[in-house]
Amino acid sequence: QLDMVASIAGTKDPILSIHPFKVKDCTILVTGNEVQKGLIEDTFSKV
């Protein structure tokens, strides 16, 4: 039975993995002419 477990697990990566966070920065593009022209406040980018 244990050999069957090992066979399913195989020789590739274990079935669990933790992916550390990599992205450290972002650019936000706010669309909408009404925002660009100052007709309404940009509340989207803050969220």
All heavy atoms as atom14 arrays in JSON, in Angstrom:
{
  "sequence": "QLDMVASIAGTKDPILSIHPFKVKDCTILVTGNEVQKGLIEDTFSKV",
  "atom14_mask": [
    [1, 1, 1, 1, 1, 1, 1, 1, 1, 0, 0, 0, 0, 0],
    [1, 1, 1, 1, 1, 1, 1, 1, 0, 0, 0, 0, 0, 0],
    [1, 1, 1, 1, 1, 1, 1, 1, 0, 0, 0, 0, 0, 0],
    [1, 1, 1, 1, 1, 1, 1, 1, 0, 0, 0, 0, 0, 0],
    [1, 1, 1, 1, 1, 1, 1, 0, 0, 0, 0, 0, 0, 0],
    [1, 1, 1, 1, 1, 0, 0, 0, 0, 0, 0, 0, 0, 0],
    [1, 1, 1, 1, 1, 1, 0, 0, 0, 0, 0, 0, 0, 0],
    [1, 1, 1, 1, 1, 1, 1, 1, 0, 0, 0, 0, 0, 0],
    [1, 1, 1, 1, 1, 0, 0, 0, 0, 0, 0, 0, 0, 0],
    [1, 1, 1, 1, 0, 0, 0, 0, 0, 0, 0, 0, 0, 0],
    [1, 1, 1, 1, 1, 1, 1, 0, 0, 0, 0, 0, 0, 0],
    [1, 1, 1, 1, 1, 1, 1, 1, 1, 0, 0, 0, 0, 0],
    [1, 1, 1, 1, 1, 1, 1, 1, 0, 0, 0, 0, 0, 0],
    [1, 1, 1, 1, 1, 1, 1, 0, 0, 0, 0, 0, 0, 0],
    [1, 1, 1, 1, 1, 1, 1, 1, 0, 0, 0, 0, 0, 0],
    [1, 1, 1, 1, 1, 1, 1, 1, 0, 0, 0, 0, 0, 0],
    [1, 1, 1, 1, 1, 1, 0, 0, 0, 0, 0, 0, 0, 0],
    [1, 1, 1, 1, 1, 1, 1, 1, 0, 0, 0, 0, 0, 0],
    [1, 1, 1, 1, 1, 1, 1, 1, 1, 1, 0, 0, 0, 0],
    [1, 1, 1, 1, 1, 1, 1, 0, 0, 0, 0, 0, 0, 0],
    [1, 1, 1, 1, 1, 1, 1, 1, 1, 1, 1, 0, 0, 0],
    [1, 1, 1, 1, 1, 1, 1, 1, 1, 0, 0, 0, 0, 0],
    [1, 1, 1, 1, 1, 1, 1, 0, 0, 0, 0, 0, 0, 0],
    [1, 1, 1, 1, 1, 1, 1, 1, 1, 0, 0, 0, 0, 0],
    [1, 1, 1, 1, 1, 1, 1, 1, 0, 0, 0, 0, 0, 0],
    [1, 1, 1, 1, 1, 1, 0, 0, 0, 0, 0, 0, 0, 0],
    [1, 1, 1, 1, 1, 1, 1, 0, 0, 0, 0, 0, 0, 0],
    [1, 1, 1, 1, 1, 1, 1, 1, 0, 0, 0, 0, 0, 0],
    [1, 1, 1, 1, 1, 1, 1, 1, 0, 0, 0, 0, 0, 0],
    [1, 1, 1, 1, 1, 1, 1, 0, 0, 0, 0, 0, 0, 0],
    [1, 1, 1, 1, 1, 1, 1, 0, 0, 0, 0, 0, 0, 0],
    [1, 1, 1, 1, 0, 0, 0, 0, 0, 0, 0, 0, 0, 0],
    [1, 1, 1, 1, 1, 1, 1, 1, 0, 0, 0, 0, 0, 0],
    [1, 1, 1, 1, 1, 1, 1, 1, 1, 0, 0, 0, 0, 0],
    [1, 1, 1, 1, 1, 1, 1, 0, 0, 0, 0, 0, 0, 0],
    [1, 1, 1, 1, 1, 1, 1, 1, 1, 0, 0, 0, 0, 0],
    [1, 1, 1, 1, 1, 1, 1, 1, 1, 0, 0, 0, 0, 0],
    [1, 1, 1, 1, 0, 0, 0, 0, 0, 0, 0, 0, 0, 0],
    [1, 1, 1, 1, 1, 1, 1, 1, 0, 0, 0, 0, 0, 0],
    [1, 1, 1, 1, 1, 1, 1, 1, 0, 0, 0, 0, 0, 0],
    [1, 1, 1, 1, 1, 1, 1, 1, 1, 0, 0, 0, 0, 0],
    [1, 1, 1, 1, 1, 1, 1, 1, 0, 0, 0, 0, 0, 0],
    [1, 1, 1, 1, 1, 1, 1, 0, 0, 0, 0, 0, 0, 0],
    [1, 1, 1, 1, 1, 1, 1, 1, 1, 1, 1, 0, 0, 0],
    [1, 1, 1, 1, 1, 1, 0, 0, 0, 0, 0, 0, 0, 0],
    [1, 1, 1, 1, 1, 1, 1, 1, 1, 0, 0, 0, 0, 0],
    [1, 1, 1, 1, 1, 1, 1, 0, 0, 0, 0, 0, 0, 0]
  ],
  "atom14_positions": [
    [[0.84, -1.21, 0.0], [0.0, 0.0, 0.0], [0.87, 1.26, 0.0], [0.59, 2.22, -0.72], [-0.91, -0.01, 1.22], [-1.99, 1.06, 1.21], [-3.22, 0.65, 0.42], [-3.13, -0.18, -0.49], [-4.35, 1.22, 0.74], [0.0, 0.0, 0.0], [0.0, 0.0, 0.0], [0.0, 0.0, 0.0], [0.0, 0.0, 0.0], [0.0, 0.0, 0.0]],
    [[1.93, 1.25, 0.77], [2.83, 2.4, 0.81], [3.53, 2.6, -0.52], [3.77, 3.73, -0.95], [3.85, 2.22, 1.93], [3.29, 2.19, 3.35], [4.42, 1.97, 4.35], [2.54, 3.48, 3.68], [0.0, 0.0, 0.0], [0.0, 0.0, 0.0], [0.0, 0.0, 0.0], [0.0, 0.0, 0.0], [0.0, 0.0, 0.0], [0.0, 0.0, 0.0]],
    [[3.85, 1.5, -1.19], [4.48, 1.6, -2.51], [3.53, 2.25, -3.5], [3.97, 2.99, -4.4], [4.89, 0.22, -3.01], [6.06, -0.37, -2.23], [6.76, 0.4, -1.53], [6.27, -1.6, -2.31], [0.0, 0.0, 0.0], [0.0, 0.0, 0.0], [0.0, 0.0, 0.0], [0.0, 0.0, 0.0], [0.0, 0.0, 0.0], [0.0, 0.0, 0.0]],
    [[2.24, 2.01, -3.35], [1.25, 2.64, -4.23], [1.2, 4.14, -3.99], [1.08, 4.93, -4.94], [-0.12, 2.0, -4.01], [-0.21, 0.55, -4.44], [-1.79, -0.23, -4.0], [-2.92, 0.65, -5.07], [0.0, 0.0, 0.0], [0.0, 0.0, 0.0], [0.0, 0.0, 0.0], [0.0, 0.0, 0.0], [0.0, 0.0, 0.0], [0.0, 0.0, 0.0]],
    [[1.29, 4.54, -2.72], [1.34, 5.97, -2.4], [2.56, 6.61, -3.06], [2.47, 7.67, -3.7], [1.38, 6.2, -0.88], [1.64, 7.67, -0.56], [0.09, 5.73, -0.23], [0.0, 0.0, 0.0], [0.0, 0.0, 0.0], [0.0, 0.0, 0.0], [0.0, 0.0, 0.0], [0.0, 0.0, 0.0], [0.0, 0.0, 0.0], [0.0, 0.0, 0.0]],
    [[3.71, 5.97, -2.89], [4.95, 6.5, -3.45], [4.88, 6.57, -4.97], [5.41, 7.49, -5.58], [6.13, 5.65, -3.0], [0.0, 0.0, 0.0], [0.0, 0.0, 0.0], [0.0, 0.0, 0.0], [0.0, 0.0, 0.0], [0.0, 0.0, 0.0], [0.0, 0.0, 0.0], [0.0, 0.0, 0.0], [0.0, 0.0, 0.0], [0.0, 0.0, 0.0]],
    [[4.22, 5.6, -5.58], [4.1, 5.59, -7.03], [3.25, 6.77, -7.53], [3.57, 7.41, -8.53], [3.47, 4.27, -7.49], [3.27, 4.26, -8.89], [0.0, 0.0, 0.0], [0.0, 0.0, 0.0], [0.0, 0.0, 0.0], [0.0, 0.0, 0.0], [0.0, 0.0, 0.0], [0.0, 0.0, 0.0], [0.0, 0.0, 0.0], [0.0, 0.0, 0.0]],
    [[2.17, 7.06, -6.81], [1.33, 8.21, -7.18], [2.08, 9.52, -6.96], [2.03, 10.43, -7.8], [0.02, 8.19, -6.37], [-0.84, 6.99, -6.77], [-0.76, 9.5, -6.57], [-2.04, 6.78, -5.88], [0.0, 0.0, 0.0], [0.0, 0.0, 0.0], [0.0, 0.0, 0.0], [0.0, 0.0, 0.0], [0.0, 0.0, 0.0], [0.0, 0.0, 0.0]],
    [[2.78, 9.61, -5.83], [3.56, 10.82, -5.56], [4.62, 11.02, -6.62], [4.9, 12.15, -7.04], [4.19, 10.73, -4.17], [0.0, 0.0, 0.0], [0.0, 0.0, 0.0], [0.0, 0.0, 0.0], [0.0, 0.0, 0.0], [0.0, 0.0, 0.0], [0.0, 0.0, 0.0], [0.0, 0.0, 0.0], [0.0, 0.0, 0.0], [0.0, 0.0, 0.0]],
    [[5.23, 9.92, -7.07], [6.21, 9.98, -8.15], [7.5, 10.66, -7.73], [7.75, 10.92, -6.56], [0.0, 0.0, 0.0], [0.0, 0.0, 0.0], [0.0, 0.0, 0.0], [0.0, 0.0, 0.0], [0.0, 0.0, 0.0], [0.0, 0.0, 0.0], [0.0, 0.0, 0.0], [0.0, 0.0, 0.0], [0.0, 0.0, 0.0], [0.0, 0.0, 0.0]],
    [[8.28, 10.95, -8.71], [9.58, 11.56, -8.47], [9.58, 13.06, -8.73], [10.59, 13.72, -8.56], [10.65, 10.9, -9.36], [10.25, 11.03, -10.73], [10.8, 9.42, -9.02], [0.0, 0.0, 0.0], [0.0, 0.0, 0.0], [0.0, 0.0, 0.0], [0.0, 0.0, 0.0], [0.0, 0.0, 0.0], [0.0, 0.0, 0.0], [0.0, 0.0, 0.0]],
    [[8.44, 13.61, -9.18], [8.4, 15.05, -9.43], [8.12, 15.77, -8.13], [8.21, 15.2, -7.04], [7.38, 15.39, -10.5], [5.94, 15.1, -10.15], [5.05, 15.57, -11.3], [3.58, 15.5, -10.95], [2.72, 16.06, -12.02], [0.0, 0.0, 0.0], [0.0, 0.0, 0.0], [0.0, 0.0, 0.0], [0.0, 0.0, 0.0], [0.0, 0.0, 0.0]],
    [[7.78, 17.03, -8.21], [7.6, 17.84, -7.0], [6.54, 17.22, -6.09], [5.56, 16.64, -6.55], [7.18, 19.26, -7.37], [8.3, 20.03, -8.04], [9.46, 19.66, -7.83], [8.0, 20.99, -8.75], [0.0, 0.0, 0.0], [0.0, 0.0, 0.0], [0.0, 0.0, 0.0], [0.0, 0.0, 0.0], [0.0, 0.0, 0.0], [0.0, 0.0, 0.0]],
    [[6.7, 17.36, -4.77], [5.66, 16.91, -3.84], [4.33, 17.59, -4.14], [4.27, 18.63, -4.82], [6.21, 17.33, -2.48], [7.7, 17.36, -2.67], [7.9, 17.85, -4.07], [0.0, 0.0, 0.0], [0.0, 0.0, 0.0], [0.0, 0.0, 0.0], [0.0, 0.0, 0.0], [0.0, 0.0, 0.0], [0.0, 0.0, 0.0], [0.0, 0.0, 0.0]],
    [[3.26, 17.02, -3.62], [1.93, 17.49, -4.01], [1.56, 18.83, -3.35], [0.6, 19.46, -3.76], [0.84, 16.44, -3.72], [0.71, 16.17, -2.23], [1.14, 15.16, -4.47], [-0.4, 15.18, -1.91], [0.0, 0.0, 0.0], [0.0, 0.0, 0.0], [0.0, 0.0, 0.0], [0.0, 0.0, 0.0], [0.0, 0.0, 0.0], [0.0, 0.0, 0.0]],
    [[2.32, 19.26, -2.35], [2.1, 20.58, -1.75], [3.26, 21.5, -2.08], [4.41, 21.06, -2.14], [1.98, 20.48, -0.22], [0.9, 19.6, 0.37], [0.9, 19.74, 1.9], [-0.48, 19.93, -0.18], [0.0, 0.0, 0.0], [0.0, 0.0, 0.0], [0.0, 0.0, 0.0], [0.0, 0.0, 0.0], [0.0, 0.0, 0.0], [0.0, 0.0, 0.0]],
    [[2.97, 22.76, -2.29], [4.03, 23.75, -2.49], [3.54, 25.11, -1.99], [2.34, 25.39, -2.01], [4.44, 23.85, -3.96], [3.33, 24.19, -4.78], [0.0, 0.0, 0.0], [0.0, 0.0, 0.0], [0.0, 0.0, 0.0], [0.0, 0.0, 0.0], [0.0, 0.0, 0.0], [0.0, 0.0, 0.0], [0.0, 0.0, 0.0], [0.0, 0.0, 0.0]],
    [[4.47, 25.91, -1.5], [4.18, 27.29, -1.11], [4.91, 28.22, -2.07], [6.12, 28.13, -2.22], [4.62, 27.58, 0.34], [3.79, 26.75, 1.32], [4.46, 29.06, 0.67], [4.19, 26.94, 2.77], [0.0, 0.0, 0.0], [0.0, 0.0, 0.0], [0.0, 0.0, 0.0], [0.0, 0.0, 0.0], [0.0, 0.0, 0.0], [0.0, 0.0, 0.0]],
    [[4.15, 29.08, -2.72], [4.73, 30.06, -3.63], [4.88, 31.38, -2.9], [3.87, 32.06, -2.62], [3.84, 30.24, -4.87], [3.72, 29.01, -5.71], [4.44, 28.82, -6.86], [2.97, 27.89, -5.55], [4.14, 27.65, -7.39], [3.24, 27.07, -6.61], [0.0, 0.0, 0.0], [0.0, 0.0, 0.0], [0.0, 0.0, 0.0], [0.0, 0.0, 0.0]],
    [[6.1, 31.79, -2.57], [6.3, 33.07, -1.89], [5.86, 34.24, -2.78], [5.9, 34.14, -4.01], [7.81, 33.11, -1.64], [8.26, 31.69, -1.72], [7.36, 31.05, -2.74], [0.0, 0.0, 0.0], [0.0, 0.0, 0.0], [0.0, 0.0, 0.0], [0.0, 0.0, 0.0], [0.0, 0.0, 0.0], [0.0, 0.0, 0.0], [0.0, 0.0, 0.0]],
    [[5.45, 35.32, -2.15], [5.04, 36.5, -2.92], [6.25, 37.14, -3.58], [7.28, 37.36, -2.94], [4.32, 37.49, -2.02], [3.04, 36.95, -1.44], [2.89, 36.77, -0.08], [1.99, 36.6, -2.27], [1.72, 36.26, 0.45], [0.81, 36.08, -1.77], [0.68, 35.91, -0.4], [0.0, 0.0, 0.0], [0.0, 0.0, 0.0], [0.0, 0.0, 0.0]],
    [[6.12, 37.44, -4.88], [7.22, 37.97, -5.67], [7.0, 39.42, -6.11], [7.94, 40.21, -6.18], [7.44, 37.1, -6.92], [7.85, 35.66, -6.63], [8.02, 34.89, -7.92], [8.48, 33.45, -7.66], [8.62, 32.69, -8.93], [0.0, 0.0, 0.0], [0.0, 0.0, 0.0], [0.0, 0.0, 0.0], [0.0, 0.0, 0.0], [0.0, 0.0, 0.0]],
    [[5.77, 39.74, -6.46], [5.47, 41.08, -6.99], [5.6, 42.11, -5.88], [5.02, 41.95, -4.8], [4.06, 41.12, -7.61], [3.69, 42.54, -8.01], [3.99, 40.18, -8.82], [0.0, 0.0, 0.0], [0.0, 0.0, 0.0], [0.0, 0.0, 0.0], [0.0, 0.0, 0.0], [0.0, 0.0, 0.0], [0.0, 0.0, 0.0], [0.0, 0.0, 0.0]],
    [[6.36, 43.15, -6.14], [6.61, 44.19, -5.14], [6.06, 45.55, -5.54], [5.99, 46.45, -4.71], [8.11, 44.31, -4.87], [8.76, 43.04, -4.35], [8.16, 42.59, -3.03], [8.83, 41.33, -2.52], [8.18, 40.84, -1.27], [0.0, 0.0, 0.0], [0.0, 0.0, 0.0], [0.0, 0.0, 0.0], [0.0, 0.0, 0.0], [0.0, 0.0, 0.0]],
    [[5.71, 45.72, -6.82], [5.25, 47.05, -7.26], [4.2, 46.91, -8.33], [4.06, 45.85, -8.97], [6.43, 47.86, -7.79], [7.11, 47.19, -8.96], [6.66, 47.39, -10.1], [8.08, 46.43, -8.75], [0.0, 0.0, 0.0], [0.0, 0.0, 0.0], [0.0, 0.0, 0.0], [0.0, 0.0, 0.0], [0.0, 0.0, 0.0], [0.0, 0.0, 0.0]],
    [[3.45, 47.99, -8.54], [2.33, 47.97, -9.48], [2.11, 49.37, -10.04], [2.32, 50.37, -9.35], [1.07, 47.47, -8.76], [-0.45, 47.57, -9.74], [0.0, 0.0, 0.0], [0.0, 0.0, 0.0], [0.0, 0.0, 0.0], [0.0, 0.0, 0.0], [0.0, 0.0, 0.0], [0.0, 0.0, 0.0], [0.0, 0.0, 0.0], [0.0, 0.0, 0.0]],
    [[1.66, 49.42, -11.3], [1.2, 50.67, -11.9], [-0.3, 50.56, -12.1], [-0.8, 49.56, -12.63], [1.88, 50.93, -13.25], [3.28, 51.13, -13.05], [1.3, 52.17, -13.92], [0.0, 0.0, 0.0], [0.0, 0.0, 0.0], [0.0, 0.0, 0.0], [0.0, 0.0, 0.0], [0.0, 0.0, 0.0], [0.0, 0.0, 0.0], [0.0, 0.0, 0.0]],
    [[-1.04, 51.58, -11.66], [-2.5, 51.62, -11.8], [-2.86, 52.62, -12.88], [-2.45, 53.79, -12.82], [-3.19, 51.98, -10.48], [-2.86, 50.94, -9.4], [-4.7, 52.08, -10.67], [-3.44, 51.29, -8.04], [0.0, 0.0, 0.0], [0.0, 0.0, 0.0], [0.0, 0.0, 0.0], [0.0, 0.0, 0.0], [0.0, 0.0, 0.0], [0.0, 0.0, 0.0]],
    [[-3.63, 52.16, -13.86], [-4.13, 53.04, -14.92], [-5.62, 53.25, -14.69], [-6.4, 52.29, -14.7], [-3.89, 52.41, -16.3], [-2.47, 51.95, -16.6], [-2.37, 51.38, -18.01], [-1.48, 53.1, -16.42], [0.0, 0.0, 0.0], [0.0, 0.0, 0.0], [0.0, 0.0, 0.0], [0.0, 0.0, 0.0], [0.0, 0.0, 0.0], [0.0, 0.0, 0.0]],
    [[-6.01, 54.49, -14.46], [-7.41, 54.82, -14.18], [-8.05, 55.33, -15.46], [-7.69, 56.39, -15.98], [-7.51, 55.89, -13.08], [-8.97, 56.19, -12.77], [-6.78, 55.44, -11.83], [0.0, 0.0, 0.0], [0.0, 0.0, 0.0], [0.0, 0.0, 0.0], [0.0, 0.0, 0.0], [0.0, 0.0, 0.0], [0.0, 0.0, 0.0], [0.0, 0.0, 0.0]],
    [[-8.99, 54.56, -16.0], [-9.68, 54.97, -17.22], [-10.88, 55.84, -16.86], [-11.21, 56.02, -15.69], [-10.14, 53.73, -18.01], [-11.11, 53.01, -17.24], [-8.96, 52.83, -18.32], [0.0, 0.0, 0.0], [0.0, 0.0, 0.0], [0.0, 0.0, 0.0], [0.0, 0.0, 0.0], [0.0, 0.0, 0.0], [0.0, 0.0, 0.0], [0.0, 0.0, 0.0]],
    [[-11.51, 56.38, -17.89], [-12.69, 57.21, -17.68], [-12.39, 58.68, -17.91], [-11.61, 59.28, -17.16], [0.0, 0.0, 0.0], [0.0, 0.0, 0.0], [0.0, 0.0, 0.0], [0.0, 0.0, 0.0], [0.0, 0.0, 0.0], [0.0, 0.0, 0.0], [0.0, 0.0, 0.0], [0.0, 0.0, 0.0], [0.0, 0.0, 0.0], [0.0, 0.0, 0.0]],
    [[-13.0, 59.27, -18.94], [-12.79, 60.69, -19.21], [-13.28, 61.57, -18.06], [-12.72, 62.62, -17.78], [-13.53, 61.09, -20.49], [-12.86, 60.52, -21.73], [-11.66, 60.25, -21.73], [-13.64, 60.32, -22.8], [0.0, 0.0, 0.0], [0.0, 0.0, 0.0], [0.0, 0.0, 0.0], [0.0, 0.0, 0.0], [0.0, 0.0, 0.0], [0.0, 0.0, 0.0]],
    [[-14.33, 61.1, -17.38], [-14.9, 61.88, -16.28], [-13.9, 62.03, -15.12], [-13.89, 63.05, -14.43], [-16.21, 61.25, -15.8], [-16.09, 59.9, -15.12], [-15.98, 58.73, -16.08], [-15.72, 58.95, -17.28], [-16.15, 57.58, -15.63], [0.0, 0.0, 0.0], [0.0, 0.0, 0.0], [0.0, 0.0, 0.0], [0.0, 0.0, 0.0], [0.0, 0.0, 0.0]],
    [[-13.06, 61.01, -14.96], [-12.02, 61.08, -13.92], [-10.87, 61.95, -14.39], [-10.37, 62.81, -13.67], [-11.51, 59.68, -13.54], [-10.38, 59.77, -12.52], [-12.64, 58.82, -13.0], [0.0, 0.0, 0.0], [0.0, 0.0, 0.0], [0.0, 0.0, 0.0], [0.0, 0.0, 0.0], [0.0, 0.0, 0.0], [0.0, 0.0, 0.0], [0.0, 0.0, 0.0]],
    [[-10.45, 61.76, -15.64], [-9.34, 62.52, -16.2], [-9.63, 64.02, -16.22], [-8.74, 64.84, -15.96], [-9.03, 62.02, -17.61], [-7.77, 62.65, -18.22], [-7.58, 62.2, -19.66], [-8.53, 62.19, -20.44], [-6.35, 61.82, -20.0], [0.0, 0.0, 0.0], [0.0, 0.0, 0.0], [0.0, 0.0, 0.0], [0.0, 0.0, 0.0], [0.0, 0.0, 0.0]],
    [[-10.89, 64.36, -16.47], [-11.28, 65.77, -16.54], [-11.62, 66.36, -15.18], [-11.96, 67.55, -15.07], [-12.48, 65.92, -17.48], [-12.16, 65.59, -18.93], [-13.4, 65.69, -19.81], [-13.07, 65.34, -21.27], [-14.28, 65.41, -22.13], [0.0, 0.0, 0.0], [0.0, 0.0, 0.0], [0.0, 0.0, 0.0], [0.0, 0.0, 0.0], [0.0, 0.0, 0.0]],
    [[-11.56, 65.54, -14.14], [-11.83, 66.03, -12.8], [-13.3, 66.21, -12.49], [-13.65, 66.89, -11.51], [0.0, 0.0, 0.0], [0.0, 0.0, 0.0], [0.0, 0.0, 0.0], [0.0, 0.0, 0.0], [0.0, 0.0, 0.0], [0.0, 0.0, 0.0], [0.0, 0.0, 0.0], [0.0, 0.0, 0.0], [0.0, 0.0, 0.0], [0.0, 0.0, 0.0]],
    [[-14.18, 65.63, -13.3], [-15.61, 65.77, -13.05], [-16.04, 64.95, -11.84], [-17.0, 65.31, -11.15], [-16.4, 65.34, -14.29], [-16.11, 66.13, -15.57], [-16.9, 65.56, -16.74], [-16.46, 67.6, -15.35], [0.0, 0.0, 0.0], [0.0, 0.0, 0.0], [0.0, 0.0, 0.0], [0.0, 0.0, 0.0], [0.0, 0.0, 0.0], [0.0, 0.0, 0.0]],
    [[-15.35, 63.82, -11.61], [-15.61, 63.02, -10.42], [-14.27, 62.63, -9.81], [-13.23, 62.62, -10.48], [-16.44, 61.75, -10.72], [-15.65, 60.79, -11.63], [-17.78, 62.09, -11.32], [-16.31, 59.42, -11.76], [0.0, 0.0, 0.0], [0.0, 0.0, 0.0], [0.0, 0.0, 0.0], [0.0, 0.0, 0.0], [0.0, 0.0, 0.0], [0.0, 0.0, 0.0]],
    [[-14.31, 62.29, -8.55], [-13.09, 61.9, -7.85], [-12.73, 60.46, -8.16], [-13.6, 59.6, -8.32], [-13.29, 62.07, -6.34], [-12.07, 61.72, -5.51], [-12.36, 61.79, -4.03], [-13.5, 62.17, -3.66], [-11.46, 61.45, -3.22], [0.0, 0.0, 0.0], [0.0, 0.0, 0.0], [0.0, 0.0, 0.0], [0.0, 0.0, 0.0], [0.0, 0.0, 0.0]],
    [[-11.46, 60.19, -8.26], [-10.98, 58.81, -8.45], [-11.01, 58.09, -7.1], [-10.18, 58.34, -6.23], [-9.56, 58.81, -9.01], [-8.92, 57.42, -8.94], [-9.67, 56.43, -9.02], [-7.68, 57.35, -8.8], [0.0, 0.0, 0.0], [0.0, 0.0, 0.0], [0.0, 0.0, 0.0], [0.0, 0.0, 0.0], [0.0, 0.0, 0.0], [0.0, 0.0, 0.0]],
    [[-11.99, 57.23, -6.93], [-12.06, 56.43, -5.7], [-11.64, 54.98, -5.94], [-11.52, 54.21, -4.98], [-13.49, 56.44, -5.13], [-14.4, 55.95, -6.13], [-13.9, 57.85, -4.73], [0.0, 0.0, 0.0], [0.0, 0.0, 0.0], [0.0, 0.0, 0.0], [0.0, 0.0, 0.0], [0.0, 0.0, 0.0], [0.0, 0.0, 0.0], [0.0, 0.0, 0.0]],
    [[-11.43, 54.63, -7.2], [-11.11, 53.26, -7.57], [-9.68, 52.9, -7.17], [-9.42, 51.86, -6.57], [-11.29, 53.08, -9.08], [-11.62, 51.67, -9.5], [-12.43, 51.44, -10.61], [-11.13, 50.57, -8.81], [-12.74, 50.15, -11.01], [-11.44, 49.27, -9.2], [-12.25, 49.07, -10.31], [0.0, 0.0, 0.0], [0.0, 0.0, 0.0], [0.0, 0.0, 0.0]],
    [[-8.73, 53.77, -7.51], [-7.32, 53.42, -7.3], [-7.01, 53.22, -5.82], [-6.19, 52.36, -5.47], [-6.4, 54.49, -7.89], [-6.63, 55.75, -7.31], [0.0, 0.0, 0.0], [0.0, 0.0, 0.0], [0.0, 0.0, 0.0], [0.0, 0.0, 0.0], [0.0, 0.0, 0.0], [0.0, 0.0, 0.0], [0.0, 0.0, 0.0], [0.0, 0.0, 0.0]],
    [[-7.68, 53.95, -4.93], [-7.44, 53.79, -3.48], [-7.82, 52.39, -3.02], [-7.13, 51.77, -2.19], [-8.23, 54.83, -2.71], [-8.05, 54.75, -1.18], [-6.61, 55.0, -0.76], [-6.48, 55.23, 0.75], [-6.96, 54.1, 1.57], [0.0, 0.0, 0.0], [0.0, 0.0, 0.0], [0.0, 0.0, 0.0], [0.0, 0.0, 0.0], [0.0, 0.0, 0.0]],
    [[-8.92, 51.86, -3.56], [-9.35, 50.51, -3.2], [-8.29, 49.51, -3.61], [-7.92, 48.6, -2.84], [-10.7, 50.17, -3.88], [-11.05, 48.7, -3.66], [-11.81, 51.07, -3.34], [0.0, 0.0, 0.0], [0.0, 0.0, 0.0], [0.0, 0.0, 0.0], [0.0, 0.0, 0.0], [0.0, 0.0, 0.0], [0.0, 0.0, 0.0], [0.0, 0.0, 0.0]]
  ]
}
